[in-house]
N, C-alpha and C. Protein backbone atom coordinates (compact mmCIF):
# COMPACT_ATOMS: atom_id res chain seq x y z
N MET A 1 94.34 224.09 96.14
CA MET A 1 93.39 224.61 95.18
C MET A 1 91.99 224.53 95.79
N ASN A 2 91.81 225.21 96.91
CA ASN A 2 90.55 225.14 97.61
C ASN A 2 89.76 226.41 97.43
N ALA A 3 88.45 226.27 97.32
CA ALA A 3 87.57 227.43 97.22
C ALA A 3 87.54 228.13 98.57
N PRO A 4 87.17 229.41 98.62
CA PRO A 4 87.08 230.13 99.88
C PRO A 4 86.13 229.41 100.84
N THR A 5 86.50 229.39 102.09
CA THR A 5 85.65 228.73 103.08
C THR A 5 84.48 229.61 103.44
N HIS A 6 83.45 228.98 104.00
CA HIS A 6 82.26 229.73 104.41
C HIS A 6 82.66 230.76 105.46
N GLY A 7 82.18 231.96 105.33
CA GLY A 7 82.53 233.03 106.27
C GLY A 7 83.61 233.94 105.73
N SER A 8 84.27 233.52 104.64
CA SER A 8 85.29 234.38 104.03
C SER A 8 85.02 234.45 102.53
N PRO A 9 83.96 235.14 102.14
CA PRO A 9 83.58 235.16 100.73
C PRO A 9 84.66 235.76 99.86
N ASP A 10 84.89 235.12 98.72
CA ASP A 10 85.87 235.61 97.78
C ASP A 10 85.31 236.87 97.10
N PRO A 11 86.13 237.89 96.89
CA PRO A 11 85.63 239.15 96.33
C PRO A 11 85.50 239.18 94.82
N LEU A 12 85.80 238.08 94.12
CA LEU A 12 85.86 238.15 92.67
C LEU A 12 84.51 238.53 92.04
N ARG A 13 83.43 237.95 92.54
CA ARG A 13 82.12 238.28 91.97
C ARG A 13 81.81 239.77 92.16
N ARG A 14 82.10 240.28 93.34
CA ARG A 14 81.86 241.70 93.60
C ARG A 14 82.69 242.57 92.68
N LEU A 15 83.97 242.21 92.50
CA LEU A 15 84.84 242.99 91.62
C LEU A 15 84.40 242.88 90.17
N GLY A 16 83.94 241.70 89.77
CA GLY A 16 83.48 241.52 88.40
C GLY A 16 82.28 242.38 88.10
N ARG A 17 81.35 242.43 89.04
CA ARG A 17 80.16 243.27 88.85
C ARG A 17 80.53 244.75 88.89
N LEU A 18 81.46 245.09 89.76
CA LEU A 18 81.90 246.49 89.87
C LEU A 18 82.45 247.00 88.55
N HIS A 19 83.26 246.18 87.89
CA HIS A 19 83.93 246.61 86.67
C HIS A 19 83.14 246.24 85.40
N GLY A 20 82.06 245.51 85.55
CA GLY A 20 81.18 245.24 84.42
C GLY A 20 81.65 244.19 83.44
N THR A 21 82.50 243.25 83.88
CA THR A 21 82.95 242.20 82.97
C THR A 21 81.87 241.15 82.75
N ASP A 22 81.81 240.62 81.54
CA ASP A 22 80.82 239.58 81.27
C ASP A 22 81.15 238.27 81.97
N LYS A 23 82.35 238.18 82.55
CA LYS A 23 82.69 237.01 83.34
C LYS A 23 81.80 236.90 84.59
N ALA A 24 81.20 238.01 84.98
CA ALA A 24 80.35 238.03 86.17
C ALA A 24 78.87 238.14 85.82
N LYS A 25 78.53 238.09 84.53
CA LYS A 25 77.14 238.20 84.11
C LYS A 25 76.53 236.81 83.93
N PRO A 26 75.21 236.68 84.07
CA PRO A 26 74.57 235.36 84.05
C PRO A 26 74.87 234.51 82.82
N ALA A 27 75.10 235.14 81.67
CA ALA A 27 75.33 234.36 80.44
C ALA A 27 76.57 233.47 80.56
N HIS A 28 77.56 233.91 81.33
CA HIS A 28 78.78 233.12 81.53
C HIS A 28 78.97 232.75 83.00
N ASP A 29 78.99 233.74 83.86
CA ASP A 29 79.20 233.56 85.30
C ASP A 29 80.47 232.77 85.60
N PHE A 30 81.54 233.11 84.90
CA PHE A 30 82.81 232.42 85.14
C PHE A 30 83.34 232.69 86.55
N VAL A 31 82.94 233.79 87.17
CA VAL A 31 83.45 234.11 88.50
C VAL A 31 83.00 233.08 89.54
N ARG A 32 82.05 232.22 89.18
CA ARG A 32 81.62 231.21 90.14
C ARG A 32 82.67 230.13 90.35
N PHE A 33 83.51 229.87 89.32
CA PHE A 33 84.51 228.80 89.48
C PHE A 33 85.94 229.30 89.58
N TYR A 34 86.20 230.52 89.15
CA TYR A 34 87.58 231.00 89.19
C TYR A 34 88.21 230.98 90.59
N PRO A 35 87.47 231.34 91.65
CA PRO A 35 88.10 231.30 92.98
C PRO A 35 88.62 229.93 93.38
N THR A 36 88.03 228.86 92.86
CA THR A 36 88.51 227.52 93.18
C THR A 36 89.98 227.36 92.83
N TYR A 37 90.40 228.02 91.76
CA TYR A 37 91.77 227.87 91.26
C TYR A 37 92.68 229.05 91.65
N LEU A 38 92.08 230.19 91.92
CA LEU A 38 92.88 231.41 92.06
C LEU A 38 92.86 232.04 93.45
N ALA A 39 91.89 231.71 94.28
CA ALA A 39 91.77 232.38 95.58
C ALA A 39 93.03 232.24 96.42
N SER A 40 93.64 231.05 96.39
CA SER A 40 94.82 230.82 97.22
C SER A 40 96.06 231.52 96.69
N ARG A 41 95.96 232.10 95.47
CA ARG A 41 97.13 232.71 94.85
C ARG A 41 97.01 234.23 94.75
N ARG A 42 95.95 234.77 95.33
CA ARG A 42 95.69 236.21 95.19
C ARG A 42 96.86 237.07 95.65
N GLU A 43 97.53 236.64 96.70
CA GLU A 43 98.59 237.46 97.30
C GLU A 43 99.98 237.00 96.90
N GLU A 44 100.06 236.16 95.89
CA GLU A 44 101.36 235.67 95.41
C GLU A 44 101.91 236.57 94.29
N PRO A 45 103.21 236.58 94.11
CA PRO A 45 103.80 237.34 92.98
C PRO A 45 103.73 236.51 91.69
N LEU A 46 102.53 236.12 91.33
CA LEU A 46 102.34 235.21 90.21
C LEU A 46 102.52 235.93 88.87
N SER A 47 102.69 235.12 87.82
CA SER A 47 102.76 235.63 86.45
C SER A 47 101.47 235.23 85.75
N PHE A 48 100.74 236.21 85.24
CA PHE A 48 99.39 236.03 84.72
C PHE A 48 99.31 236.55 83.30
N LEU A 49 98.56 235.85 82.46
CA LEU A 49 98.35 236.30 81.09
C LEU A 49 96.89 236.13 80.71
N GLU A 50 96.30 237.20 80.20
CA GLU A 50 94.96 237.08 79.61
C GLU A 50 95.04 237.45 78.13
N VAL A 51 94.49 236.58 77.31
CA VAL A 51 94.42 236.82 75.87
C VAL A 51 93.06 237.43 75.57
N GLY A 52 93.05 238.67 75.08
CA GLY A 52 91.81 239.38 74.81
C GLY A 52 91.58 240.47 75.81
N VAL A 53 91.49 241.70 75.35
CA VAL A 53 91.31 242.86 76.23
C VAL A 53 89.93 243.48 76.07
N PHE A 54 89.57 243.79 74.83
CA PHE A 54 88.31 244.47 74.49
C PHE A 54 88.18 245.74 75.33
N ARG A 55 87.16 245.87 76.15
CA ARG A 55 86.97 247.11 76.92
C ARG A 55 87.79 247.13 78.22
N GLY A 56 88.47 246.06 78.52
CA GLY A 56 89.35 246.04 79.68
C GLY A 56 88.67 245.77 81.01
N ALA A 57 87.39 245.40 81.00
CA ALA A 57 86.67 245.20 82.25
C ALA A 57 87.26 244.07 83.09
N SER A 58 87.57 242.94 82.43
CA SER A 58 88.12 241.82 83.21
C SER A 58 89.52 242.14 83.72
N LEU A 59 90.30 242.90 82.95
CA LEU A 59 91.64 243.26 83.42
C LEU A 59 91.56 244.11 84.68
N LYS A 60 90.58 245.00 84.73
CA LYS A 60 90.40 245.83 85.93
C LYS A 60 90.01 244.96 87.11
N MET A 61 89.20 243.95 86.85
CA MET A 61 88.83 243.00 87.91
C MET A 61 90.06 242.27 88.43
N TRP A 62 90.88 241.74 87.50
CA TRP A 62 92.09 241.02 87.92
C TRP A 62 93.07 241.96 88.62
N ASN A 63 93.14 243.19 88.17
CA ASN A 63 94.05 244.16 88.78
C ASN A 63 93.75 244.35 90.27
N ASP A 64 92.46 244.36 90.59
CA ASP A 64 92.05 244.51 91.99
C ASP A 64 92.12 243.19 92.75
N TYR A 65 91.97 242.09 92.03
CA TYR A 65 91.92 240.78 92.68
C TYR A 65 93.30 240.30 93.10
N PHE A 66 94.28 240.44 92.22
CA PHE A 66 95.65 240.03 92.54
C PHE A 66 96.36 241.20 93.22
N THR A 67 96.72 241.01 94.47
CA THR A 67 97.15 242.14 95.30
C THR A 67 98.66 242.27 95.48
N HIS A 68 99.42 241.26 95.12
CA HIS A 68 100.86 241.35 95.36
C HIS A 68 101.48 242.43 94.49
N PRO A 69 102.29 243.31 95.07
CA PRO A 69 102.87 244.40 94.28
C PRO A 69 103.83 243.95 93.19
N HIS A 70 104.33 242.71 93.31
CA HIS A 70 105.27 242.22 92.31
C HIS A 70 104.65 241.16 91.40
N ALA A 71 103.32 241.06 91.41
CA ALA A 71 102.66 240.19 90.45
C ALA A 71 102.94 240.73 89.05
N ARG A 72 103.13 239.83 88.09
CA ARG A 72 103.38 240.24 86.70
C ARG A 72 102.14 239.93 85.88
N LEU A 73 101.42 240.97 85.52
CA LEU A 73 100.14 240.85 84.84
C LEU A 73 100.31 241.25 83.38
N ASN A 74 99.93 240.35 82.49
CA ASN A 74 100.16 240.55 81.06
C ASN A 74 98.87 240.34 80.28
N CYS A 75 98.79 240.99 79.13
CA CYS A 75 97.61 240.81 78.28
C CYS A 75 97.99 240.95 76.81
N ILE A 76 97.15 240.35 75.97
CA ILE A 76 97.35 240.35 74.52
C ILE A 76 96.04 240.79 73.86
N ASP A 77 96.15 241.59 72.83
CA ASP A 77 95.00 241.90 72.01
C ASP A 77 95.49 242.23 70.60
N ASN A 78 94.62 241.99 69.62
CA ASN A 78 95.02 242.24 68.24
C ASN A 78 94.60 243.62 67.73
N LYS A 79 94.02 244.45 68.63
CA LYS A 79 93.64 245.80 68.25
C LYS A 79 94.26 246.81 69.20
N ARG A 80 94.98 247.76 68.63
CA ARG A 80 95.68 248.75 69.45
C ARG A 80 94.72 249.55 70.32
N LYS A 81 93.53 249.86 69.78
CA LYS A 81 92.58 250.67 70.55
C LYS A 81 92.11 249.96 71.81
N HIS A 82 92.09 248.63 71.78
CA HIS A 82 91.70 247.88 72.98
C HIS A 82 92.77 247.97 74.06
N LEU A 83 94.03 248.04 73.65
CA LEU A 83 95.11 248.10 74.64
C LEU A 83 95.09 249.40 75.43
N ALA A 84 94.37 250.40 74.93
CA ALA A 84 94.22 251.65 75.68
C ALA A 84 93.38 251.43 76.94
N ASN A 85 92.70 250.28 77.02
CA ASN A 85 91.85 249.97 78.17
C ASN A 85 92.57 249.18 79.26
N VAL A 86 93.85 248.91 79.06
CA VAL A 86 94.62 248.19 80.07
C VAL A 86 94.79 249.07 81.31
N PRO A 87 94.63 248.53 82.52
CA PRO A 87 94.77 249.33 83.74
C PRO A 87 96.10 250.07 83.79
N LYS A 88 96.05 251.28 84.29
CA LYS A 88 97.26 252.10 84.42
C LYS A 88 97.99 251.71 85.71
N ASP A 89 98.52 250.54 85.68
CA ASP A 89 99.22 249.98 86.83
C ASP A 89 100.55 249.44 86.32
N PRO A 90 101.67 249.76 86.97
CA PRO A 90 102.98 249.32 86.46
C PRO A 90 103.16 247.82 86.40
N ARG A 91 102.28 247.07 87.03
CA ARG A 91 102.40 245.61 86.99
C ARG A 91 101.97 245.04 85.64
N TRP A 92 101.27 245.85 84.84
CA TRP A 92 100.73 245.35 83.57
C TRP A 92 101.68 245.57 82.40
N THR A 93 101.78 244.56 81.55
CA THR A 93 102.48 244.65 80.28
C THR A 93 101.53 244.18 79.19
N SER A 94 101.38 244.96 78.14
CA SER A 94 100.46 244.60 77.06
C SER A 94 101.23 244.31 75.79
N PHE A 95 100.67 243.41 74.97
CA PHE A 95 101.29 243.00 73.72
C PHE A 95 100.25 243.08 72.60
N LEU A 96 100.64 243.67 71.49
CA LEU A 96 99.76 243.82 70.34
C LEU A 96 100.03 242.72 69.33
N GLY A 97 99.04 241.87 69.08
CA GLY A 97 99.22 240.79 68.12
C GLY A 97 98.04 239.84 68.17
N CYS A 98 98.02 238.90 67.22
CA CYS A 98 96.90 237.96 67.11
C CYS A 98 97.25 236.63 67.76
N GLN A 99 96.29 236.04 68.42
CA GLN A 99 96.51 234.78 69.11
C GLN A 99 96.76 233.62 68.17
N SER A 100 96.46 233.78 66.89
CA SER A 100 96.74 232.72 65.93
C SER A 100 98.15 232.80 65.36
N ASP A 101 98.86 233.87 65.69
CA ASP A 101 100.23 234.08 65.22
C ASP A 101 101.19 233.44 66.22
N THR A 102 101.61 232.22 65.94
CA THR A 102 102.43 231.50 66.91
C THR A 102 103.79 232.13 67.13
N ASP A 103 104.36 232.76 66.10
CA ASP A 103 105.64 233.44 66.28
C ASP A 103 105.50 234.60 67.26
N PHE A 104 104.39 235.34 67.13
CA PHE A 104 104.11 236.43 68.07
C PHE A 104 103.97 235.89 69.49
N LEU A 105 103.22 234.80 69.65
CA LEU A 105 103.01 234.24 70.98
C LEU A 105 104.32 233.78 71.60
N LYS A 106 105.20 233.22 70.78
CA LYS A 106 106.49 232.77 71.31
C LYS A 106 107.32 233.95 71.81
N LYS A 107 107.20 235.09 71.13
CA LYS A 107 107.90 236.30 71.58
C LYS A 107 107.34 236.78 72.92
N VAL A 108 106.03 236.70 73.06
CA VAL A 108 105.41 237.07 74.34
C VAL A 108 105.93 236.18 75.45
N CYS A 109 105.99 234.89 75.18
CA CYS A 109 106.48 233.94 76.18
C CYS A 109 107.93 234.20 76.55
N SER A 110 108.74 234.56 75.58
CA SER A 110 110.15 234.81 75.86
C SER A 110 110.33 236.05 76.72
N GLN A 111 109.41 237.00 76.59
CA GLN A 111 109.51 238.25 77.35
C GLN A 111 108.79 238.19 78.70
N ALA A 112 107.68 237.46 78.76
CA ALA A 112 106.85 237.51 79.96
C ALA A 112 106.68 236.17 80.67
N GLY A 113 106.98 235.07 80.00
CA GLY A 113 106.77 233.76 80.60
C GLY A 113 107.90 233.37 81.53
N PRO A 114 107.77 232.20 82.16
CA PRO A 114 106.61 231.30 82.12
C PRO A 114 105.48 231.84 82.99
N PHE A 115 104.29 231.27 82.82
CA PHE A 115 103.10 231.80 83.46
C PHE A 115 102.53 230.82 84.49
N ASP A 116 101.93 231.39 85.52
CA ASP A 116 101.18 230.60 86.49
C ASP A 116 99.73 230.41 86.06
N VAL A 117 99.20 231.43 85.39
CA VAL A 117 97.80 231.41 84.97
C VAL A 117 97.70 231.98 83.56
N VAL A 118 97.01 231.27 82.68
CA VAL A 118 96.69 231.79 81.36
C VAL A 118 95.18 231.71 81.17
N ILE A 119 94.58 232.83 80.81
CA ILE A 119 93.15 232.86 80.50
C ILE A 119 93.00 233.28 79.05
N GLU A 120 92.47 232.38 78.25
CA GLU A 120 92.32 232.65 76.81
C GLU A 120 90.87 233.08 76.55
N ASP A 121 90.71 234.36 76.32
CA ASP A 121 89.40 234.96 76.05
C ASP A 121 89.52 235.82 74.79
N GLY A 122 90.08 235.20 73.75
CA GLY A 122 90.37 235.94 72.54
C GLY A 122 89.23 235.96 71.55
N GLN A 123 89.49 235.45 70.35
CA GLN A 123 88.52 235.58 69.27
C GLN A 123 87.53 234.42 69.17
N HIS A 124 87.69 233.40 70.02
CA HIS A 124 86.74 232.29 70.14
C HIS A 124 86.63 231.44 68.88
N VAL A 125 87.60 231.52 67.99
CA VAL A 125 87.62 230.69 66.79
C VAL A 125 88.39 229.41 67.14
N PRO A 126 87.81 228.23 66.91
CA PRO A 126 88.44 226.98 67.35
C PRO A 126 89.90 226.82 66.94
N SER A 127 90.23 227.08 65.68
CA SER A 127 91.61 226.91 65.25
C SER A 127 92.54 227.87 65.98
N TYR A 128 92.05 229.05 66.31
CA TYR A 128 92.85 230.01 67.08
C TYR A 128 93.03 229.53 68.52
N GLN A 129 91.97 229.00 69.09
CA GLN A 129 92.05 228.49 70.45
C GLN A 129 93.07 227.36 70.56
N ILE A 130 93.08 226.49 69.56
CA ILE A 130 94.02 225.36 69.57
C ILE A 130 95.45 225.84 69.37
N ALA A 131 95.67 226.72 68.40
CA ALA A 131 97.02 227.24 68.15
C ALA A 131 97.56 227.96 69.37
N CYS A 132 96.69 228.72 70.02
CA CYS A 132 97.10 229.47 71.20
C CYS A 132 97.48 228.51 72.33
N PHE A 133 96.66 227.50 72.56
CA PHE A 133 96.95 226.54 73.62
C PHE A 133 98.26 225.81 73.36
N GLU A 134 98.44 225.33 72.13
CA GLU A 134 99.64 224.55 71.83
C GLU A 134 100.91 225.37 71.96
N THR A 135 100.81 226.68 71.74
CA THR A 135 101.99 227.54 71.86
C THR A 135 102.25 227.96 73.29
N LEU A 136 101.19 228.26 74.04
CA LEU A 136 101.37 228.78 75.40
C LEU A 136 101.52 227.69 76.45
N TRP A 137 100.91 226.52 76.24
CA TRP A 137 100.95 225.46 77.25
C TRP A 137 102.38 225.10 77.67
N PRO A 138 103.33 224.97 76.77
CA PRO A 138 104.69 224.64 77.21
C PRO A 138 105.30 225.70 78.12
N HIS A 139 104.73 226.89 78.12
CA HIS A 139 105.25 228.00 78.93
C HIS A 139 104.41 228.22 80.19
N LEU A 140 103.55 227.25 80.50
CA LEU A 140 102.80 227.28 81.75
C LEU A 140 103.59 226.53 82.81
N LYS A 141 103.71 227.10 83.99
CA LYS A 141 104.48 226.48 85.05
C LYS A 141 103.79 225.24 85.60
N SER A 142 104.58 224.38 86.21
CA SER A 142 104.02 223.25 86.93
C SER A 142 103.09 223.77 88.02
N GLY A 143 101.89 223.19 88.10
CA GLY A 143 100.91 223.67 89.07
C GLY A 143 100.05 224.80 88.55
N GLY A 144 100.32 225.23 87.31
CA GLY A 144 99.56 226.32 86.73
C GLY A 144 98.24 225.87 86.13
N VAL A 145 97.41 226.85 85.77
CA VAL A 145 96.12 226.55 85.15
C VAL A 145 95.99 227.33 83.85
N TYR A 146 95.38 226.67 82.89
CA TYR A 146 95.10 227.27 81.58
C TYR A 146 93.60 227.19 81.35
N VAL A 147 92.99 228.33 81.10
CA VAL A 147 91.54 228.41 80.93
C VAL A 147 91.23 228.84 79.49
N ILE A 148 90.34 228.11 78.85
CA ILE A 148 89.81 228.54 77.55
C ILE A 148 88.35 228.90 77.76
N GLU A 149 88.04 230.16 77.60
CA GLU A 149 86.67 230.63 77.74
C GLU A 149 85.94 230.56 76.40
N ASP A 150 84.63 230.55 76.47
CA ASP A 150 83.77 230.65 75.29
C ASP A 150 83.97 229.49 74.30
N ILE A 151 84.12 228.30 74.82
CA ILE A 151 84.24 227.15 73.93
C ILE A 151 82.88 226.78 73.31
N HIS A 152 81.81 227.40 73.79
CA HIS A 152 80.49 227.12 73.23
C HIS A 152 80.35 227.62 71.79
N THR A 153 81.25 228.52 71.37
CA THR A 153 81.17 229.00 69.98
C THR A 153 81.45 227.88 68.98
N SER A 154 82.04 226.79 69.45
CA SER A 154 82.25 225.63 68.57
C SER A 154 80.92 225.06 68.07
N PHE A 155 79.85 225.37 68.79
CA PHE A 155 78.54 224.86 68.42
C PHE A 155 77.69 225.91 67.69
N GLN A 156 78.33 227.02 67.33
CA GLN A 156 77.62 228.11 66.68
C GLN A 156 78.21 228.34 65.29
N ASP A 157 77.65 227.68 64.30
CA ASP A 157 78.16 227.81 62.94
C ASP A 157 78.14 229.25 62.45
N THR A 158 77.11 229.99 62.85
CA THR A 158 77.02 231.38 62.40
C THR A 158 78.17 232.20 62.94
N PHE A 159 78.64 231.87 64.15
CA PHE A 159 79.78 232.60 64.72
C PHE A 159 81.04 232.34 63.91
N ILE A 160 81.30 231.08 63.60
CA ILE A 160 82.51 230.74 62.85
C ILE A 160 82.44 231.34 61.45
N ASP A 161 81.31 231.23 60.80
CA ASP A 161 81.18 231.75 59.44
C ASP A 161 81.36 233.25 59.40
N ARG A 162 80.87 233.93 60.44
CA ARG A 162 80.92 235.38 60.47
C ARG A 162 82.31 235.91 60.81
N HIS A 163 82.98 235.25 61.73
CA HIS A 163 84.24 235.77 62.23
C HIS A 163 85.47 235.21 61.53
N CYS A 164 85.34 234.08 60.89
CA CYS A 164 86.49 233.50 60.21
C CYS A 164 86.02 232.70 59.01
N PRO A 165 85.43 233.37 58.02
CA PRO A 165 84.81 232.66 56.90
C PRO A 165 85.78 231.85 56.05
N ASP A 166 87.06 232.23 56.05
CA ASP A 166 88.03 231.54 55.21
C ASP A 166 88.85 230.52 55.98
N ASP A 167 88.48 230.29 57.25
CA ASP A 167 89.24 229.38 58.09
C ASP A 167 89.07 227.94 57.61
N THR A 168 90.17 227.29 57.33
CA THR A 168 90.12 225.91 56.87
C THR A 168 90.46 224.93 57.98
N GLY A 169 90.65 225.45 59.18
CA GLY A 169 90.98 224.60 60.31
C GLY A 169 89.74 223.95 60.91
N PRO A 170 89.89 223.30 62.07
CA PRO A 170 88.76 222.63 62.72
C PRO A 170 87.66 223.62 63.09
N ARG A 171 86.42 223.19 62.95
CA ARG A 171 85.30 224.06 63.28
C ARG A 171 84.82 223.85 64.71
N SER A 172 85.51 223.01 65.46
CA SER A 172 85.17 222.80 66.87
C SER A 172 86.45 222.53 67.65
N VAL A 173 86.53 223.09 68.84
CA VAL A 173 87.67 222.82 69.71
C VAL A 173 87.44 221.56 70.54
N MET A 174 86.21 221.05 70.56
CA MET A 174 85.86 219.96 71.45
C MET A 174 86.61 218.65 71.18
N PRO A 175 86.78 218.20 69.93
CA PRO A 175 87.56 216.98 69.72
C PRO A 175 88.99 217.10 70.26
N TYR A 176 89.56 218.27 70.12
CA TYR A 176 90.92 218.50 70.64
C TYR A 176 90.93 218.37 72.17
N LEU A 177 89.95 218.98 72.82
CA LEU A 177 89.88 218.92 74.28
C LEU A 177 89.61 217.50 74.75
N HIS A 178 88.82 216.77 74.00
CA HIS A 178 88.56 215.38 74.37
C HIS A 178 89.82 214.53 74.25
N ARG A 179 90.69 214.83 73.31
CA ARG A 179 91.95 214.09 73.21
C ARG A 179 92.83 214.36 74.43
N ILE A 180 92.81 215.59 74.91
CA ILE A 180 93.54 215.90 76.14
C ILE A 180 92.97 215.10 77.30
N LEU A 181 91.64 215.06 77.38
CA LEU A 181 91.00 214.30 78.45
C LEU A 181 91.33 212.81 78.34
N ASP A 182 91.33 212.30 77.13
CA ASP A 182 91.68 210.89 76.92
C ASP A 182 93.11 210.61 77.38
N THR A 183 94.02 211.53 77.07
CA THR A 183 95.42 211.36 77.48
C THR A 183 95.53 211.29 79.00
N LEU A 184 94.77 212.14 79.68
CA LEU A 184 94.79 212.17 81.14
C LEU A 184 94.24 210.87 81.72
N ILE A 185 93.10 210.43 81.21
CA ILE A 185 92.45 209.26 81.77
C ILE A 185 93.21 207.97 81.45
N ALA A 186 93.82 207.92 80.28
CA ALA A 186 94.52 206.70 79.86
C ALA A 186 95.90 206.54 80.47
N ALA A 187 96.41 207.58 81.12
CA ALA A 187 97.75 207.51 81.70
C ALA A 187 97.81 206.42 82.77
N GLU A 188 98.89 205.64 82.76
CA GLU A 188 99.07 204.59 83.75
C GLU A 188 99.29 205.17 85.14
N ALA A 189 99.93 206.34 85.20
CA ALA A 189 100.22 207.00 86.47
C ALA A 189 100.33 208.50 86.21
N PRO A 190 100.15 209.33 87.25
CA PRO A 190 100.23 210.78 87.07
C PRO A 190 101.53 211.25 86.43
N CYS A 191 102.62 210.52 86.68
CA CYS A 191 103.91 210.93 86.14
C CYS A 191 103.99 210.76 84.63
N GLU A 192 103.00 210.06 84.04
CA GLU A 192 103.05 209.79 82.61
C GLU A 192 102.27 210.81 81.78
N THR A 193 101.72 211.82 82.42
CA THR A 193 101.00 212.85 81.69
C THR A 193 101.34 214.22 82.26
N GLU A 194 101.28 215.23 81.43
CA GLU A 194 101.53 216.59 81.89
C GLU A 194 100.25 217.28 82.33
N TYR A 195 99.10 216.58 82.17
CA TYR A 195 97.82 217.16 82.55
C TYR A 195 97.42 216.67 83.95
N ASP A 196 97.10 217.61 84.83
CA ASP A 196 96.70 217.27 86.18
C ASP A 196 95.19 217.05 86.26
N PHE A 197 94.45 217.88 85.56
CA PHE A 197 92.99 217.76 85.52
C PHE A 197 92.45 218.50 84.30
N VAL A 198 91.25 218.14 83.90
CA VAL A 198 90.51 218.84 82.86
C VAL A 198 89.10 219.03 83.38
N HIS A 199 88.74 220.25 83.72
CA HIS A 199 87.44 220.54 84.31
C HIS A 199 86.59 221.34 83.33
N PHE A 200 85.45 220.81 82.96
CA PHE A 200 84.55 221.51 82.06
C PHE A 200 83.47 222.24 82.85
N TYR A 201 83.19 223.45 82.41
CA TYR A 201 82.10 224.24 82.95
C TYR A 201 81.26 224.75 81.78
N THR A 202 80.13 225.37 82.07
CA THR A 202 79.34 225.96 81.01
C THR A 202 80.17 227.03 80.30
N HIS A 203 80.46 226.80 79.02
CA HIS A 203 81.18 227.74 78.15
C HIS A 203 82.69 227.80 78.40
N ALA A 204 83.25 226.96 79.25
CA ALA A 204 84.68 227.09 79.54
C ALA A 204 85.29 225.75 79.96
N VAL A 205 86.61 225.68 79.86
CA VAL A 205 87.35 224.52 80.34
C VAL A 205 88.59 225.03 81.07
N VAL A 206 88.93 224.35 82.18
CA VAL A 206 90.13 224.67 82.96
C VAL A 206 91.03 223.44 82.94
N ILE A 207 92.26 223.63 82.51
CA ILE A 207 93.22 222.54 82.40
C ILE A 207 94.40 222.82 83.33
N GLY A 208 94.66 221.88 84.22
CA GLY A 208 95.76 222.03 85.17
C GLY A 208 96.99 221.29 84.70
N LYS A 209 98.15 221.83 85.06
CA LYS A 209 99.42 221.22 84.64
C LYS A 209 100.11 220.57 85.83
N VAL A 210 100.57 219.35 85.62
CA VAL A 210 101.26 218.61 86.69
C VAL A 210 102.52 219.35 87.10
């Protein structure tokens, strides 16, 4: 899990800017840390899932970044019109449904899992982020990474009130993530936890699986 060495710049930032994804814009700049986890796997026939399509900019970035012809690239969105933005590449499979619908997610896992990489960039509602993680994590392969983007919305009451006014679940994903971190740190030995690491970045967290 090494970042690209000096003299061999990773193309993810260039591809992100080319396709206009907010993952490459200053407000998030997620492309600064993704190569640490993904650069060594670019040419592997990995199984990848991104939750959230919207305009499809990040999917186009990933489509160019992962080069193996037998990579299995999957995406989820709750709006049919967004799925029209999925790259026209036979490696992609799209699923229509909501990330808070655990039965739907289990069907996705049965058809497309297990996964090497999961990137959750869905509706940014804490209860949805937790439900999605708890359903998809068991279907992440050993050595895989699970990323939750936009965890900063937990600190934006106006966001939660506007996007999920009737939500009775937790209003922050942070206590849940801290429990995962506590489990990792309190383990007597690596074999006693399924978490390999928990890395926090601005607006995102990356969780590795043993």
